[in-house]
PDB file of N, CA and C in Angstrom:
ATOM      1  N   MET A   1      15.373   0.558  -3.789  1.00  0.00           N
ATOM      2  CA  MET A   1      14.242   0.525  -3.065  1.00  0.00           C
ATOM      3  C   MET A   1      13.129   0.900  -3.990  1.00  0.00           C
ATOM      4  N   ALA A   2      12.035   0.168  -3.928  1.00  0.00           N
ATOM      5  CA  ALA A   2      10.768   0.448  -4.736  1.00  0.00           C
ATOM      6  C   ALA A   2       9.629  -0.307  -4.300  1.00  0.00           C
ATOM      7  N   ILE A   3       8.518   0.342  -4.605  1.00  0.00           N
ATOM      8  CA  ILE A   3       7.100  -0.328  -4.485  1.00  0.00           C
ATOM      9  C   ILE A   3       6.357  -0.231  -5.772  1.00  0.00           C
ATOM     10  N   HIS A   4       5.714  -1.184  -6.137  1.00  0.00           N
ATOM     11  CA  HIS A   4       5.078  -1.306  -7.416  1.00  0.00           C
ATOM     12  C   HIS A   4       3.538  -1.589  -7.291  1.00  0.00           C
ATOM     13  N   LEU A   5       2.851  -1.094  -8.243  1.00  0.00           N
ATOM     14  CA  LEU A   5       1.374  -1.401  -8.415  1.00  0.00           C
ATOM     15  C   LEU A   5       1.141  -2.282  -9.590  1.00  0.00           C
ATOM     16  N   SER A   6       0.236  -3.199  -9.469  1.00  0.00           N
ATOM     17  CA  SER A   6      -0.210  -4.077 -10.676  1.00  0.00           C
ATOM     18  C   SER A   6      -0.982  -3.038 -11.455  1.00  0.00           C
ATOM     19  N   ASP A   7      -1.253  -3.469 -12.817  1.00  0.00           N
ATOM     20  CA  ASP A   7      -2.150  -2.645 -13.663  1.00  0.00           C
ATOM     21  C   ASP A   7      -3.418  -2.349 -13.098  1.00  0.00           C
ATOM     22  N   LEU A   8      -3.995  -3.482 -12.562  1.00  0.00           N
ATOM     23  CA  LEU A   8      -5.375  -3.382 -11.929  1.00  0.00           C
ATOM     24  C   LEU A   8      -5.437  -2.334 -10.749  1.00  0.00           C
ATOM     25  N   ALA A   9      -4.426  -2.330  -9.830  1.00  0.00           N
ATOM     26  CA  ALA A   9      -4.353  -1.553  -8.730  1.00  0.00           C
ATOM     27  C   ALA A   9      -4.162  -0.096  -9.166  1.00  0.00           C
ATOM     28  N   ALA A  10      -3.207   0.106 -10.039  1.00  0.00           N
ATOM     29  CA  ALA A  10      -2.982   1.473 -10.609  1.00  0.00           C
ATOM     30  C   ALA A  10      -4.252   2.029 -11.121  1.00  0.00           C
ATOM     31  N   SER A  11      -5.016   1.231 -11.945  1.00  0.00           N
ATOM     32  CA  SER A  11      -6.302   1.708 -12.518  1.00  0.00           C
ATOM     33  C   SER A  11      -7.235   2.044 -11.388  1.00  0.00           C
ATOM     34  N   ARG A  12      -7.266   1.315 -10.385  1.00  0.00           N
ATOM     35  CA  ARG A  12      -8.388   1.535  -9.282  1.00  0.00           C
ATOM     36  C   ARG A  12      -7.901   2.807  -8.490  1.00  0.00           C
ATOM     37  N   VAL A  13      -6.613   2.938  -8.346  1.00  0.00           N
ATOM     38  CA  VAL A  13      -6.154   4.107  -7.467  1.00  0.00           C
ATOM     39  C   VAL A  13      -6.462   5.474  -8.337  1.00  0.00           C
ATOM     40  N   GLN A  14      -6.183   5.423  -9.738  1.00  0.00           N
ATOM     41  CA  GLN A  14      -6.446   6.517 -10.414  1.00  0.00           C
ATOM     42  C   GLN A  14      -7.931   6.848 -10.479  1.00  0.00           C
ATOM     43  N   HIS A  15      -8.820   5.829 -10.530  1.00  0.00           N
ATOM     44  CA  HIS A  15     -10.166   6.040 -10.555  1.00  0.00           C
ATOM     45  C   HIS A  15     -10.701   6.624  -9.092  1.00  0.00           C
ATOM     46  N   PHE A  16     -10.185   6.077  -8.073  1.00  0.00           N
ATOM     47  CA  PHE A  16     -10.509   6.672  -6.699  1.00  0.00           C
ATOM     48  C   PHE A  16     -10.160   8.069  -6.595  1.00  0.00           C
ATOM     49  N   LEU A  17      -8.843   8.440  -7.098  1.00  0.00           N
ATOM     50  CA  LEU A  17      -8.493   9.809  -6.982  1.00  0.00           C
ATOM     51  C   LEU A  17      -9.241  10.726  -7.836  1.00  0.00           C
ATOM     52  N   GLU A  18      -9.726  10.289  -9.069  1.00  0.00           N
ATOM     53  CA  GLU A  18     -10.526  11.061  -9.946  1.00  0.00           C
ATOM     54  C   GLU A  18     -11.838  11.413  -9.230  1.00  0.00           C
ATOM     55  N   ASN A  19     -12.492  10.301  -8.714  1.00  0.00           N
ATOM     56  CA  ASN A  19     -13.713  10.512  -7.984  1.00  0.00           C
ATOM     57  C   ASN A  19     -13.656  11.347  -6.723  1.00  0.00           C
ATOM     58  N   ARG A  20     -12.551  11.363  -6.139  1.00  0.00           N
ATOM     59  CA  ARG A  20     -12.274  12.105  -4.921  1.00  0.00           C
ATOM     60  C   ARG A  20     -12.166  13.500  -5.230  1.00  0.00           C
ATOM     61  N   GLY A  21     -11.655  13.786  -6.429  1.00  0.00           N
ATOM     62  CA  GLY A  21     -11.415  15.184  -6.905  1.00  0.00           C
ATOM     63  C   GLY A  21     -10.198  15.806  -6.447  1.00  0.00           C
ATOM     64  N   LYS A  22      -9.274  15.218  -5.670  1.00  0.00           N
ATOM     65  CA  LYS A  22      -8.114  15.827  -5.266  1.00  0.00           C
ATOM     66  C   LYS A  22      -7.113  14.572  -4.774  1.00  0.00           C
ATOM     67  N   GLY A  23      -5.903  15.094  -4.520  1.00  0.00           N
ATOM     68  CA  GLY A  23      -4.981  14.002  -4.004  1.00  0.00           C
ATOM     69  C   GLY A  23      -3.846  13.938  -5.008  1.00  0.00           C
ATOM     70  N   ILE A  24      -2.637  13.574  -4.470  1.00  0.00           N
ATOM     71  CA  ILE A  24      -1.461  13.504  -5.421  1.00  0.00           C
ATOM     72  C   ILE A  24      -1.025  12.120  -5.501  1.00  0.00           C
ATOM     73  N   GLY A  25      -1.575  11.119  -4.797  1.00  0.00           N
ATOM     74  CA  GLY A  25      -1.284   9.761  -4.811  1.00  0.00           C
ATOM     75  C   GLY A  25      -1.723   8.874  -3.672  1.00  0.00           C
ATOM     76  N   LEU A  26      -0.964   7.795  -3.370  1.00  0.00           N
ATOM     77  CA  LEU A  26      -1.363   6.878  -2.376  1.00  0.00           C
ATOM     78  C   LEU A  26      -0.366   6.678  -1.370  1.00  0.00           C
ATOM     79  N   ARG A  27      -0.678   6.841  -0.099  1.00  0.00           N
ATOM     80  CA  ARG A  27       0.316   6.546   0.951  1.00  0.00           C
ATOM     81  C   ARG A  27       0.164   5.158   1.520  1.00  0.00           C
ATOM     82  N   LEU A  28       1.327   4.488   1.482  1.00  0.00           N
ATOM     83  CA  LEU A  28       1.416   3.088   2.047  1.00  0.00           C
ATOM     84  C   LEU A  28       2.271   3.232   3.303  1.00  0.00           C
ATOM     85  N   GLY A  29       1.823   2.427   4.236  1.00  0.00           N
ATOM     86  CA  GLY A  29       2.525   2.357   5.507  1.00  0.00           C
ATOM     87  C   GLY A  29       2.301   1.158   6.370  1.00  0.00           C
ATOM     88  N   VAL A  30       2.922   1.046   7.463  1.00  0.00           N
ATOM     89  CA  VAL A  30       2.618  -0.066   8.511  1.00  0.00           C
ATOM     90  C   VAL A  30       2.318   0.514   9.770  1.00  0.00           C
ATOM     91  N   LYS A  31       1.575  -0.141  10.608  1.00  0.00           N
ATOM     92  CA  LYS A  31       1.446   0.154  12.011  1.00  0.00           C
ATOM     93  C   LYS A  31       1.480  -1.120  12.871  1.00  0.00           C
ATOM     94  N   THR A  32       1.862  -0.952  14.118  1.00  0.00           N
ATOM     95  CA  THR A  32       2.012  -1.998  14.976  1.00  0.00           C
ATOM     96  C   THR A  32       0.602  -2.371  15.517  1.00  0.00           C
ATOM     97  N   THR A  33       0.151  -3.625  15.196  1.00  0.00           N
ATOM     98  CA  THR A  33      -1.234  -4.110  15.666  1.00  0.00           C
ATOM     99  C   THR A  33      -1.413  -5.573  15.256  1.00  0.00           C
ATOM    100  N   GLY A  34      -2.495  -6.105  15.544  1.00  0.00           N
ATOM    101  CA  GLY A  34      -2.848  -7.445  15.287  1.00  0.00           C
ATOM    102  C   GLY A  34      -2.095  -8.590  15.963  1.00  0.00           C
ATOM    103  N   CYS A  35      -2.455  -9.804  15.687  1.00  0.00           N
ATOM    104  CA  CYS A  35      -1.763 -10.907  16.253  1.00  0.00           C
ATOM    105  C   CYS A  35      -0.290 -11.089  15.769  1.00  0.00           C
ATOM    106  N   SER A  36      -0.094 -10.711  14.628  1.00  0.00           N
ATOM    107  CA  SER A  36       1.385 -10.944  14.008  1.00  0.00           C
ATOM    108  C   SER A  36       2.330  -9.793  14.237  1.00  0.00           C
ATOM    109  N   GLY A  37       1.723  -8.636  14.540  1.00  0.00           N
ATOM    110  CA  GLY A  37       2.695  -7.461  14.869  1.00  0.00           C
ATOM    111  C   GLY A  37       2.452  -6.275  13.991  1.00  0.00           C
ATOM    112  N   LEU A  38       2.431  -6.417  12.652  1.00  0.00           N
ATOM    113  CA  LEU A  38       2.237  -5.183  11.733  1.00  0.00           C
ATOM    114  C   LEU A  38       1.089  -5.463  10.905  1.00  0.00           C
ATOM    115  N   ALA A  39       0.453  -4.256  10.568  1.00  0.00           N
ATOM    116  CA  ALA A  39      -0.710  -4.243   9.612  1.00  0.00           C
ATOM    117  C   ALA A  39      -0.446  -3.060   8.590  1.00  0.00           C
ATOM    118  N   TYR A  40      -0.986  -3.332   7.400  1.00  0.00           N
ATOM    119  CA  TYR A  40      -0.777  -2.282   6.326  1.00  0.00           C
ATOM    120  C   TYR A  40      -1.743  -1.150   6.491  1.00  0.00           C
ATOM    121  N   VAL A  41      -1.256   0.068   6.247  1.00  0.00           N
ATOM    122  CA  VAL A  41      -2.144   1.173   6.211  1.00  0.00           C
ATOM    123  C   VAL A  41      -2.133   1.771   4.791  1.00  0.00           C
ATOM    124  N   ILE A  42      -3.212   2.095   4.339  1.00  0.00           N
ATOM    125  CA  ILE A  42      -3.333   2.693   2.976  1.00  0.00           C
ATOM    126  C   ILE A  42      -4.302   3.962   2.994  1.00  0.00           C
ATOM    127  N   GLU A  43      -3.797   5.094   2.455  1.00  0.00           N
ATOM    128  CA  GLU A  43      -4.700   6.307   2.472  1.00  0.00           C
ATOM    129  C   GLU A  43      -4.303   7.154   1.319  1.00  0.00           C
ATOM    130  N   PHE A  44      -5.090   8.057   0.995  1.00  0.00           N
ATOM    131  CA  PHE A  44      -4.875   9.101  -0.142  1.00  0.00           C
ATOM    132  C   PHE A  44      -3.891  10.176   0.506  1.00  0.00           C
ATOM    133  N   VAL A  45      -3.067  10.664  -0.391  1.00  0.00           N
ATOM    134  CA  VAL A  45      -2.142  11.720  -0.079  1.00  0.00           C
ATOM    135  C   VAL A  45      -2.556  13.076  -0.625  1.00  0.00           C
ATOM    136  N   ASP A  46      -2.645  14.080   0.238  1.00  0.00           N
ATOM    137  CA  ASP A  46      -2.957  15.417  -0.268  1.00  0.00           C
ATOM    138  C   ASP A  46      -1.697  16.308  -0.274  1.00  0.00           C
ATOM    139  N   GLU A  47      -0.829  16.020   0.686  1.00  0.00           N
ATOM    140  CA  GLU A  47       0.415  16.760   0.665  1.00  0.00           C
ATOM    141  C   GLU A  47       1.505  15.824   1.217  1.00  0.00           C
ATOM    142  N   LEU A  48       2.781  16.109   0.931  1.00  0.00           N
ATOM    143  CA  LEU A  48       3.943  15.284   1.327  1.00  0.00           C
ATOM    144  C   LEU A  48       4.272  15.720   2.629  1.00  0.00           C
ATOM    145  N   ARG A  49       4.813  14.760   3.454  1.00  0.00           N
ATOM    146  CA  ARG A  49       5.392  15.096   4.867  1.00  0.00           C
ATOM    147  C   ARG A  49       6.861  15.124   4.739  1.00  0.00           C
ATOM    148  N   GLU A  50       7.588  15.756   5.560  1.00  0.00           N
ATOM    149  CA  GLU A  50       9.016  15.666   5.684  1.00  0.00           C
ATOM    150  C   GLU A  50       9.489  14.216   5.869  1.00  0.00           C
ATOM    151  N   GLY A  51      10.489  13.904   4.949  1.00  0.00           N
ATOM    152  CA  GLY A  51      11.126  12.614   4.937  1.00  0.00           C
ATOM    153  C   GLY A  51      10.376  11.513   4.104  1.00  0.00           C
ATOM    154  N   ASP A  52       9.185  11.891   3.479  1.00  0.00           N
ATOM    155  CA  ASP A  52       8.499  10.945   2.689  1.00  0.00           C
ATOM    156  C   ASP A  52       9.327  10.471   1.486  1.00  0.00           C
ATOM    157  N   GLU A  53       9.252   9.185   1.231  1.00  0.00           N
ATOM    158  CA  GLU A  53       9.861   8.691  -0.089  1.00  0.00           C
ATOM    159  C   GLU A  53       8.625   8.591  -1.099  1.00  0.00           C
ATOM    160  N   VAL A  54       9.018   9.090  -2.292  1.00  0.00           N
ATOM    161  CA  VAL A  54       7.883   9.078  -3.330  1.00  0.00           C
ATOM    162  C   VAL A  54       8.454   8.193  -4.500  1.00  0.00           C
ATOM    163  N   PHE A  55       7.554   7.181  -4.880  1.00  0.00           N
ATOM    164  CA  PHE A  55       7.775   6.172  -6.051  1.00  0.00           C
ATOM    165  C   PHE A  55       6.716   6.468  -6.969  1.00  0.00           C
ATOM    166  N   GLU A  56       6.987   6.069  -8.181  1.00  0.00           N
ATOM    167  CA  GLU A  56       5.923   6.237  -9.232  1.00  0.00           C
ATOM    168  C   GLU A  56       5.810   4.894  -9.919  1.00  0.00           C
ATOM    169  N   SER A  57       4.638   4.493 -10.010  1.00  0.00           N
ATOM    170  CA  SER A  57       4.395   3.144 -10.645  1.00  0.00           C
ATOM    171  C   SER A  57       3.156   3.263 -11.624  1.00  0.00           C
ATOM    172  N   LYS A  58       3.294   3.034 -12.662  1.00  0.00           N
ATOM    173  CA  LYS A  58       2.178   3.075 -13.755  1.00  0.00           C
ATOM    174  C   LYS A  58       1.368   4.310 -13.638  1.00  0.00           C
ATOM    175  N   GLY A  59       2.104   5.499 -13.475  1.00  0.00           N
ATOM    176  CA  GLY A  59       1.437   6.818 -13.356  1.00  0.00           C
ATOM    177  C   GLY A  59       0.918   7.226 -12.084  1.00  0.00           C
ATOM    178  N   VAL A  60       1.095   6.471 -11.075  1.00  0.00           N
ATOM    179  CA  VAL A  60       0.636   6.741  -9.758  1.00  0.00           C
ATOM    180  C   VAL A  60       1.723   6.977  -8.824  1.00  0.00           C
ATOM    181  N   LYS A  61       1.582   8.099  -8.000  1.00  0.00           N
ATOM    182  CA  LYS A  61       2.614   8.341  -6.983  1.00  0.00           C
ATOM    183  C   LYS A  61       2.233   7.501  -5.762  1.00  0.00           C
ATOM    184  N   ILE A  62       3.339   6.890  -5.183  1.00  0.00           N
ATOM    185  CA  ILE A  62       3.173   6.027  -4.106  1.00  0.00           C
ATOM    186  C   ILE A  62       4.140   6.668  -2.993  1.00  0.00           C
ATOM    187  N   VAL A  63       3.510   7.095  -1.869  1.00  0.00           N
ATOM    188  CA  VAL A  63       4.411   7.751  -0.869  1.00  0.00           C
ATOM    189  C   VAL A  63       4.490   6.869   0.416  1.00  0.00           C
ATOM    190  N   VAL A  64       5.607   6.870   0.838  1.00  0.00           N
ATOM    191  CA  VAL A  64       5.980   5.902   2.047  1.00  0.00           C
ATOM    192  C   VAL A  64       6.912   6.654   3.019  1.00  0.00           C
ATOM    193  N   ASP A  65       6.476   6.678   4.349  1.00  0.00           N
ATOM    194  CA  ASP A  65       7.448   7.174   5.317  1.00  0.00           C
ATOM    195  C   ASP A  65       8.641   6.310   5.404  1.00  0.00           C
ATOM    196  N   PRO A  66       9.798   6.955   5.939  1.00  0.00           N
ATOM    197  CA  PRO A  66      10.950   6.078   5.914  1.00  0.00           C
ATOM    198  C   PRO A  66      10.915   4.925   6.993  1.00  0.00           C
ATOM    199  N   LYS A  67      10.167   4.927   8.063  1.00  0.00           N
ATOM    200  CA  LYS A  67      10.016   3.751   9.003  1.00  0.00           C
ATOM    201  C   LYS A  67       9.359   2.659   8.368  1.00  0.00           C
ATOM    202  N   SER A  68       8.314   2.958   7.571  1.00  0.00           N
ATOM    203  CA  SER A  68       7.542   1.935   6.898  1.00  0.00           C
ATOM    204  C   SER A  68       8.240   1.391   5.664  1.00  0.00           C
ATOM    205  N   LEU A  69       9.102   2.059   5.052  1.00  0.00           N
ATOM    206  CA  LEU A  69       9.792   1.616   3.842  1.00  0.00           C
ATOM    207  C   LEU A  69      10.677   0.333   4.172  1.00  0.00           C
ATOM    208  N   VAL A  70      11.208   0.315   5.284  1.00  0.00           N
ATOM    209  CA  VAL A  70      12.020  -0.829   5.717  1.00  0.00           C
ATOM    210  C   VAL A  70      11.122  -2.135   5.603  1.00  0.00           C
ATOM    211  N   PHE A  71       9.908  -2.145   5.944  1.00  0.00           N
ATOM    212  CA  PHE A  71       8.962  -3.303   5.813  1.00  0.00           C
ATOM    213  C   PHE A  71       8.360  -3.452   4.538  1.00  0.00           C
ATOM    214  N   LEU A  72       8.301  -2.479   3.771  1.00  0.00           N
ATOM    215  CA  LEU A  72       7.474  -2.490   2.323  1.00  0.00           C
ATOM    216  C   LEU A  72       8.424  -2.463   1.216  1.00  0.00           C
ATOM    217  N   ASP A  73       9.671  -2.381   1.356  1.00  0.00           N
ATOM    218  CA  ASP A  73      10.490  -2.258   0.175  1.00  0.00           C
ATOM    219  C   ASP A  73      10.336  -3.615  -0.664  1.00  0.00           C
ATOM    220  N   GLY A  74      10.080  -3.348  -1.992  1.00  0.00           N
ATOM    221  CA  GLY A  74       9.908  -4.603  -2.875  1.00  0.00           C
ATOM    222  C   GLY A  74       8.453  -4.975  -2.964  1.00  0.00           C
ATOM    223  N   THR A  75       7.593  -4.412  -2.311  1.00  0.00           N
ATOM    224  CA  THR A  75       6.198  -4.854  -2.216  1.00  0.00           C
ATOM    225  C   THR A  75       5.449  -4.552  -3.604  1.00  0.00           C
ATOM    226  N   GLU A  76       4.636  -5.453  -4.019  1.00  0.00           N
ATOM    227  CA  GLU A  76       3.715  -5.185  -5.090  1.00  0.00           C
ATOM    228  C   GLU A  76       2.268  -5.064  -4.538  1.00  0.00           C
ATOM    229  N   VAL A  77       1.585  -4.056  -4.975  1.00  0.00           N
ATOM    230  CA  VAL A  77       0.196  -3.927  -4.492  1.00  0.00           C
ATOM    231  C   VAL A  77      -0.739  -4.333  -5.688  1.00  0.00           C
ATOM    232  N   ASP A  78      -1.669  -5.151  -5.443  1.00  0.00           N
ATOM    233  CA  ASP A  78      -2.471  -5.721  -6.454  1.00  0.00           C
ATOM    234  C   ASP A  78      -4.014  -5.232  -6.004  1.00  0.00           C
ATOM    235  N   PHE A  79      -4.971  -5.432  -6.835  1.00  0.00           N
ATOM    236  CA  PHE A  79      -6.286  -5.223  -6.498  1.00  0.00           C
ATOM    237  C   PHE A  79      -7.118  -6.404  -6.917  1.00  0.00           C
ATOM    238  N   ALA A  80      -7.874  -7.023  -6.098  1.00  0.00           N
ATOM    239  CA  ALA A  80      -8.621  -8.243  -6.583  1.00  0.00           C
ATOM    240  C   ALA A  80     -10.095  -8.209  -6.074  1.00  0.00           C
ATOM    241  N   LYS A  81     -11.012  -8.821  -6.913  1.00  0.00           N
ATOM    242  CA  LYS A  81     -12.403  -9.007  -6.633  1.00  0.00           C
ATOM    243  C   LYS A  81     -12.569 -10.530  -6.411  1.00  0.00           C
ATOM    244  N   VAL A  82     -13.184 -10.765  -5.323  1.00  0.00           N
ATOM    245  CA  VAL A  82     -13.492 -12.292  -4.973  1.00  0.00           C
ATOM    246  C   VAL A  82     -14.938 -12.258  -4.514  1.00  0.00           C
ATOM    247  N   GLY A  83     -15.813 -12.676  -5.296  1.00  0.00           N
ATOM    248  CA  GLY A  83     -17.191 -12.700  -4.889  1.00  0.00           C
ATOM    249  C   GLY A  83     -17.705 -11.189  -4.769  1.00  0.00           C
ATOM    250  N   LEU A  84     -18.355 -10.992  -3.690  1.00  0.00           N
ATOM    251  CA  LEU A  84     -18.686  -9.584  -3.272  1.00  0.00           C
ATOM    252  C   LEU A  84     -17.633  -8.837  -2.722  1.00  0.00           C
ATOM    253  N   ASN A  85     -16.520  -9.372  -2.395  1.00  0.00           N
ATOM    254  CA  ASN A  85     -15.514  -8.610  -1.702  1.00  0.00           C
ATOM    255  C   ASN A  85     -14.361  -8.103  -2.787  1.00  0.00           C
ATOM    256  N   GLU A  86     -13.876  -6.901  -2.437  1.00  0.00           N
ATOM    257  CA  GLU A  86     -12.915  -6.370  -3.373  1.00  0.00           C
ATOM    258  C   GLU A  86     -11.904  -5.588  -2.449  1.00  0.00           C
ATOM    259  N   GLY A  87     -10.566  -5.552  -2.892  1.00  0.00           N
ATOM    260  CA  GLY A  87      -9.700  -4.697  -2.100  1.00  0.00           C
ATOM    261  C   GLY A  87      -8.390  -4.973  -2.471  1.00  0.00           C
ATOM    262  N   PHE A  88      -7.442  -4.055  -1.943  1.00  0.00           N
ATOM    263  CA  PHE A  88      -5.943  -4.240  -2.278  1.00  0.00           C
ATOM    264  C   PHE A  88      -5.330  -5.377  -1.511  1.00  0.00           C
ATOM    265  N   GLN A  89      -4.381  -5.963  -2.246  1.00  0.00           N
ATOM    266  CA  GLN A  89      -3.655  -7.129  -1.686  1.00  0.00           C
ATOM    267  C   GLN A  89      -2.148  -6.745  -1.844  1.00  0.00           C
ATOM    268  N   PHE A  90      -1.458  -7.181  -0.795  1.00  0.00           N
ATOM    269  CA  PHE A  90       0.111  -6.921  -0.799  1.00  0.00           C
ATOM    270  C   PHE A  90       0.932  -8.176  -0.971  1.00  0.00           C
ATOM    271  N   LYS A  91       1.724  -8.107  -1.832  1.00  0.00           N
ATOM    272  CA  LYS A  91       2.627  -9.265  -2.124  1.00  0.00           C
ATOM    273  C   LYS A  91       4.013  -8.641  -1.660  1.00  0.00           C
ATOM    274  N   ASN A  92       4.254  -8.936  -0.464  1.00  0.00           N
ATOM    275  CA  ASN A  92       5.448  -8.451   0.303  1.00  0.00           C
ATOM    276  C   ASN A  92       6.514  -9.486   0.559  1.00  0.00           C
ATOM    277  N   PRO A  93       7.659  -9.305  -0.149  1.00  0.00           N
ATOM    278  CA  PRO A  93       8.773 -10.282   0.032  1.00  0.00           C
ATOM    279  C   PRO A  93       9.345 -10.143   1.303  1.00  0.00           C
ATOM    280  N   ASN A  94       9.154  -9.198   2.199  1.00  0.00           N
ATOM    281  CA  ASN A  94       9.683  -9.038   3.587  1.00  0.00           C
ATOM    282  C   ASN A  94       8.879  -9.810   4.636  1.00  0.00           C
ATOM    283  N   ALA A  95       7.550 -10.034   4.230  1.00  0.00           N
ATOM    284  CA  ALA A  95       6.650 -10.768   5.159  1.00  0.00           C
ATOM    285  C   ALA A  95       7.070 -12.078   5.361  1.00  0.00           C
ATOM    286  N   LYS A  96       7.288 -12.595   6.567  1.00  0.00           N
ATOM    287  CA  LYS A  96       7.749 -13.994   6.856  1.00  0.00           C
ATOM    288  C   LYS A  96       6.507 -14.847   7.179  1.00  0.00           C
ATOM    289  N   ASP A  97       5.460 -14.140   7.855  1.00  0.00           N
ATOM    290  CA  ASP A  97       4.273 -15.039   8.244  1.00  0.00           C
ATOM    291  C   ASP A  97       3.095 -14.036   8.381  1.00  0.00           C
ATOM    292  N   ALA A  98       1.849 -14.479   8.303  1.00  0.00           N
ATOM    293  CA  ALA A  98       0.728 -13.612   8.489  1.00  0.00           C
ATOM    294  C   ALA A  98      -0.259 -14.313   9.358  1.00  0.00           C
ATOM    295  N   CYS A  99      -0.970 -13.603  10.054  1.00  0.00           N
ATOM    296  CA  CYS A  99      -2.092 -14.193  11.072  1.00  0.00           C
ATOM    297  C   CYS A  99      -3.158 -14.866  10.125  1.00  0.00           C
ATOM    298  N   GLY A 100      -3.876 -15.689  10.880  1.00  0.00           N
ATOM    299  CA  GLY A 100      -4.985 -16.443  10.155  1.00  0.00           C
ATOM    300  C   GLY A 100      -5.968 -15.705   9.655  1.00  0.00           C
ATOM    301  N   CYS A 101      -6.422 -14.493  10.289  1.00  0.00           N
ATOM    302  CA  CYS A 101      -7.330 -13.687   9.863  1.00  0.00           C
ATOM    303  C   CYS A 101      -6.886 -12.698   8.581  1.00  0.00           C
ATOM    304  N   GLY A 102      -5.577 -12.760   8.353  1.00  0.00           N
ATOM    305  CA  GLY A 102      -5.080 -11.830   7.251  1.00  0.00           C
ATOM    306  C   GLY A 102      -4.954 -10.390   7.442  1.00  0.00           C
ATOM    307  N   GLU A 103      -5.152 -10.019   8.755  1.00  0.00           N
ATOM    308  CA  GLU A 103      -5.048  -8.584   9.070  1.00  0.00           C
ATOM    309  C   GLU A 103      -3.688  -8.155   9.346  1.00  0.00           C
ATOM    310  N   SER A 104      -2.830  -9.032   9.816  1.00  0.00           N
ATOM    311  CA  SER A 104      -1.427  -8.477  10.139  1.00  0.00           C
ATOM    312  C   SER A 104      -0.452  -9.517   9.678  1.00  0.00           C
ATOM    313  N   PHE A 105       0.806  -9.012   9.748  1.00  0.00           N
ATOM    314  CA  PHE A 105       1.964  -9.900   9.259  1.00  0.00           C
ATOM    315  C   PHE A 105       3.231  -9.668  10.097  1.00  0.00           C
ATOM    316  N   THR A 106       4.182 -10.436   9.949  1.00  0.00           N
ATOM    317  CA  THR A 106       5.461 -10.260  10.682  1.00  0.00           C
ATOM    318  C   THR A 106       6.636 -10.371   9.716  1.00  0.00           C
ATOM    319  N   VAL A 107       7.755  -9.727  10.016  1.00  0.00           N
ATOM    320  CA  VAL A 107       8.931  -9.779   9.176  1.00  0.00           C
ATOM    321  C   VAL A 107      10.066 -10.512   9.934  1.00  0.00           C
TER     322      VAL A 107
END
């Protein structure tokens, strides 16, 4: 089981953590929402929770709760800039479909 960051995503996370001045890594998860059923959740981690799985990719700690790991295993997180928009993108081999607006996915 693993989750990976692209070089650009790892660089952006490190930059955000440095600017923030605290944090041990990035928490990835899923929540039930949207037209397709699941949406990605991404936030900074200041402390670990019981049961968290911790991965390291390109020097960045990635923290995932056990319930989300089932849906995120094998995912690569990238960072992209398109025009004026920028953000993290998920390449999830478990996702079978996504809604038209791109906010949610299904497995």
